[in-house]
Amino acid sequence: MSDNDINWKFANDVVVESEVIARARQHSLELGVTPLSPAVGAQASVIVAATGATKLIEIGTGLGVSGLWLLRGARDAELTSIDTEVDHQQHARQFFLESGALPAKLRLIAGRALDVLPRMNENAYDVVLVDADPGHVIEYVEHGLRLARPGGTVLVPHALWQGKVGNPANRDDVATAFRTLIGEISQSGAVVSALSVVGDGLLQITKLAA
């Protein structure tokens, strides 16, 4: 194991997850849903807390692991979450409530994100997390940047896509989409961005004021 691998493992293992997040993670894995890694979840939570976020939206609910990490950074925030899997959202809602989230501040929307997102308000959210069908990641991030307020942040987990994105010889469609997204974002003057190598990668994009 290389030093980089050891550091990566340490960064993930050092994170202490709450009992609710741990159960949501285990249930996700049992149902074949890939949740955020603990290190990525912790980093997302820090960003939420550091920005004083009060309005959160995630594209891809899963079993609630990502939403629980977001809410850990802002317990009183409003969370909107979009997913096609109603059963998964029902499990996620239960985990959210067990964590102490208020029902009135949870809005779980069942539907295709590409159908739902155009109807969402622009410049309305402090943090947008994109963790849905990776084949549409570029479109999701475009919507996310529209929904984020100036100074708001779009978070994209799995940005290194199973370690494939860093190798330009890898022409996997999803790896290519992430590689294209990261390249375009890095050249944009409308945002500041950073790519973290924790977990499976976390692309962080903060929208600058016009």
Protein backbone atom coordinates (compact mmCIF):
# COMPACT_ATOMS: atom_id res chain seq x y z
CA MET A 1 0.00 0.00 0.00
CA SER A 2 1.43 3.41 -1.01
CA ASP A 3 1.69 6.41 1.32
CA ASN A 4 -1.16 8.04 -0.60
CA ASP A 5 -3.34 4.98 -0.06
CA ILE A 6 -2.51 4.96 3.64
CA ASN A 7 -3.36 8.66 3.96
CA TRP A 8 -6.61 8.16 2.04
CA LYS A 9 -7.62 5.29 4.32
CA PHE A 10 -6.68 7.27 7.44
CA ALA A 11 -8.74 10.29 6.31
CA ASN A 12 -11.75 8.03 5.88
CA ASP A 13 -11.29 5.91 9.00
CA VAL A 14 -10.72 8.85 11.35
CA VAL A 15 -14.26 10.16 10.74
CA VAL A 16 -16.73 9.28 13.51
CA GLU A 17 -20.22 8.84 12.12
CA SER A 18 -23.32 9.18 14.23
CA GLU A 19 -25.32 6.05 14.94
CA VAL A 20 -28.06 7.19 12.54
CA ILE A 21 -25.64 7.85 9.68
CA ALA A 22 -23.96 4.49 10.28
CA ARG A 23 -27.32 2.71 10.04
CA ALA A 24 -28.28 4.65 6.92
CA ARG A 25 -24.94 3.72 5.37
CA GLN A 26 -25.38 0.03 6.19
CA HIS A 27 -28.93 0.00 4.82
CA SER A 28 -27.72 1.76 1.65
CA LEU A 29 -25.09 -0.89 1.04
CA GLU A 30 -27.62 -3.67 1.65
CA LEU A 31 -29.84 -2.20 -1.07
CA GLY A 32 -26.98 -1.65 -3.51
CA VAL A 33 -26.92 2.15 -3.16
CA THR A 34 -23.43 3.67 -2.98
CA PRO A 35 -23.40 6.32 -0.22
CA LEU A 36 -20.94 9.15 0.32
CA SER A 37 -17.74 8.01 1.99
CA PRO A 38 -17.39 9.20 5.60
CA ALA A 39 -14.56 11.58 4.64
CA VAL A 40 -16.62 13.20 1.88
CA GLY A 41 -19.64 13.46 4.18
CA ALA A 42 -17.55 15.14 6.86
CA GLN A 43 -16.10 17.60 4.35
CA ALA A 44 -19.57 18.46 3.05
CA SER A 45 -20.74 19.01 6.62
CA VAL A 46 -17.86 21.39 7.30
CA ILE A 47 -18.70 23.42 4.19
CA VAL A 48 -22.35 23.67 5.24
CA ALA A 49 -21.38 24.79 8.73
CA ALA A 50 -18.72 27.23 7.52
CA THR A 51 -21.11 28.97 5.13
CA GLY A 52 -23.91 29.25 7.69
CA ALA A 53 -26.22 27.49 5.25
CA THR A 54 -29.95 27.55 5.93
CA LYS A 55 -31.29 26.22 2.60
CA LEU A 56 -29.92 22.97 1.21
CA ILE A 57 -30.84 20.91 -1.83
CA GLU A 58 -29.53 17.57 -2.97
CA ILE A 59 -29.98 15.82 -6.29
CA GLY A 60 -30.12 12.17 -5.30
CA THR A 61 -31.56 11.22 -1.91
CA GLY A 62 -30.43 7.63 -1.68
CA LEU A 63 -31.11 6.31 1.81
CA GLY A 64 -30.27 9.68 3.38
CA VAL A 65 -26.53 9.47 4.08
CA SER A 66 -25.68 12.65 2.16
CA GLY A 67 -28.65 14.55 3.58
CA LEU A 68 -27.74 13.51 7.13
CA TRP A 69 -24.21 14.81 6.66
CA LEU A 70 -25.52 18.11 5.26
CA LEU A 71 -27.90 18.51 8.18
CA ARG A 72 -25.15 17.68 10.64
CA GLY A 73 -23.53 20.96 9.58
CA ALA A 74 -26.79 22.94 9.88
CA ARG A 75 -29.39 21.24 12.05
CA ASP A 76 -31.99 23.97 11.55
CA ALA A 77 -31.59 24.19 7.78
CA GLU A 78 -34.31 23.36 5.27
CA LEU A 79 -33.47 20.34 3.13
CA THR A 80 -34.96 19.64 -0.29
CA SER A 81 -34.06 16.27 -1.80
CA ILE A 82 -34.91 14.88 -5.23
CA ASP A 83 -34.90 11.21 -6.23
CA THR A 84 -36.84 8.80 -8.43
CA GLU A 85 -36.93 6.05 -5.79
CA VAL A 86 -39.88 6.68 -3.48
CA ASP A 87 -39.06 3.70 -1.26
CA HIS A 88 -35.54 5.00 -0.71
CA GLN A 89 -36.89 8.41 0.19
CA GLN A 90 -39.23 6.90 2.76
CA HIS A 91 -36.27 5.26 4.47
CA ALA A 92 -34.31 8.50 4.22
CA ARG A 93 -37.14 10.49 5.80
CA GLN A 94 -37.19 8.13 8.77
CA PHE A 95 -33.44 8.52 9.23
CA PHE A 96 -33.75 12.30 8.98
CA LEU A 97 -36.44 12.37 11.65
CA GLU A 98 -34.45 10.07 13.91
CA SER A 99 -31.53 12.49 13.62
CA GLY A 100 -33.70 15.30 14.96
CA ALA A 101 -34.69 17.03 11.73
CA LEU A 102 -38.04 18.81 11.84
CA PRO A 103 -40.68 17.42 9.44
CA ALA A 104 -41.64 20.94 8.33
CA LYS A 105 -38.10 21.54 7.11
CA LEU A 106 -37.88 18.42 4.96
CA ARG A 107 -39.09 18.43 1.37
CA LEU A 108 -38.56 15.14 -0.43
CA ILE A 109 -39.55 15.32 -4.08
CA ALA A 110 -40.11 12.10 -6.05
CA GLY A 111 -39.30 12.50 -9.72
CA ARG A 112 -36.63 12.74 -12.40
CA ALA A 113 -34.21 15.49 -11.47
CA LEU A 114 -34.07 16.80 -15.04
CA ASP A 115 -37.86 17.28 -14.91
CA VAL A 116 -37.93 18.78 -11.41
CA LEU A 117 -34.88 21.08 -11.46
CA PRO A 118 -36.13 23.54 -14.12
CA ARG A 119 -39.04 24.36 -11.80
CA MET A 120 -36.83 25.17 -8.79
CA ASN A 121 -36.10 28.78 -7.84
CA GLU A 122 -32.88 30.37 -9.05
CA ASN A 123 -30.32 31.79 -6.59
CA ALA A 124 -32.26 30.22 -3.73
CA TYR A 125 -29.91 27.70 -2.08
CA ASP A 126 -26.77 27.96 0.01
CA VAL A 127 -25.48 24.48 -0.77
CA VAL A 128 -26.40 22.15 -3.64
CA LEU A 129 -25.19 18.55 -3.53
CA VAL A 130 -25.16 16.56 -6.78
CA ASP A 131 -25.12 12.79 -6.25
CA ALA A 132 -27.44 11.22 -8.82
CA ASP A 133 -27.12 9.52 -12.21
CA PRO A 134 -23.47 10.27 -13.10
CA GLY A 135 -24.27 10.16 -16.79
CA HIS A 136 -26.08 13.49 -16.37
CA VAL A 137 -23.58 15.11 -14.00
CA ILE A 138 -22.80 18.04 -16.31
CA GLU A 139 -26.49 18.91 -16.68
CA TYR A 140 -27.06 18.54 -12.95
CA VAL A 141 -24.18 20.87 -12.13
CA GLU A 142 -25.48 23.45 -14.63
CA HIS A 143 -28.81 23.38 -12.81
CA GLY A 144 -27.04 23.42 -9.46
CA LEU A 145 -25.14 26.59 -10.33
CA ARG A 146 -28.40 28.21 -11.38
CA LEU A 147 -30.04 27.26 -8.08
CA ALA A 148 -27.11 28.31 -5.88
CA ARG A 149 -27.12 31.87 -4.58
CA PRO A 150 -24.08 34.07 -5.19
CA GLY A 151 -21.58 32.79 -2.66
CA GLY A 152 -23.35 29.43 -2.58
CA THR A 153 -21.55 26.15 -3.18
CA VAL A 154 -22.23 23.15 -5.39
CA LEU A 155 -20.73 19.89 -4.13
CA VAL A 156 -20.13 16.96 -6.48
CA PRO A 157 -19.08 13.67 -4.84
CA HIS A 158 -17.56 10.80 -6.82
CA ALA A 159 -15.76 13.37 -8.97
CA LEU A 160 -12.81 11.01 -9.49
CA TRP A 161 -15.20 8.21 -10.46
CA GLN A 162 -13.59 5.04 -9.15
CA GLY A 163 -10.11 6.42 -9.78
CA LYS A 164 -10.70 6.63 -13.54
CA VAL A 165 -10.89 10.39 -14.06
CA GLY A 166 -7.21 11.17 -13.52
CA ASN A 167 -6.14 8.89 -16.36
CA PRO A 168 -6.88 10.59 -19.72
CA ALA A 169 -6.45 7.26 -21.48
CA ASN A 170 -9.60 6.04 -19.74
CA ARG A 171 -12.49 6.81 -22.10
CA ASP A 172 -15.29 5.49 -19.90
CA ASP A 173 -18.32 7.71 -20.62
CA VAL A 174 -18.83 8.69 -16.99
CA ALA A 175 -15.12 9.30 -16.38
CA THR A 176 -15.02 11.46 -19.51
CA ALA A 177 -18.05 13.45 -18.33
CA PHE A 178 -16.43 14.15 -14.94
CA ARG A 179 -13.12 15.01 -16.62
CA THR A 180 -14.89 17.44 -18.95
CA LEU A 181 -16.82 18.99 -16.08
CA ILE A 182 -13.73 19.50 -13.93
CA GLY A 183 -11.82 21.02 -16.84
CA GLU A 184 -14.59 23.44 -17.79
CA ILE A 185 -15.22 24.48 -14.19
CA SER A 186 -11.52 25.15 -13.58
CA GLN A 187 -11.50 27.63 -16.48
CA SER A 188 -14.69 29.47 -15.52
CA GLY A 189 -14.43 33.02 -14.21
CA ALA A 190 -17.90 32.78 -12.67
CA VAL A 191 -16.85 30.37 -9.93
CA VAL A 192 -13.96 29.31 -7.75
CA SER A 193 -13.43 25.57 -7.45
CA ALA A 194 -11.31 22.90 -5.82
CA LEU A 195 -11.05 19.16 -6.31
CA SER A 196 -10.47 17.15 -3.15
CA VAL A 197 -9.19 13.58 -3.38
CA VAL A 198 -10.95 12.36 -0.23
CA GLY A 199 -13.22 9.37 -0.76
CA ASP A 200 -13.97 9.01 -4.46
CA GLY A 201 -13.26 12.71 -4.98
CA LEU A 202 -15.25 15.83 -4.12
CA LEU A 203 -15.54 18.74 -6.55
CA GLN A 204 -16.37 21.98 -4.72
CA ILE A 205 -17.68 24.91 -6.75
CA THR A 206 -18.54 28.27 -5.19
CA LYS A 207 -20.55 30.71 -7.28
CA LEU A 208 -19.14 34.23 -7.35
CA ALA A 209 -21.28 37.34 -7.21
CA ALA A 210 -21.99 38.74 -10.68
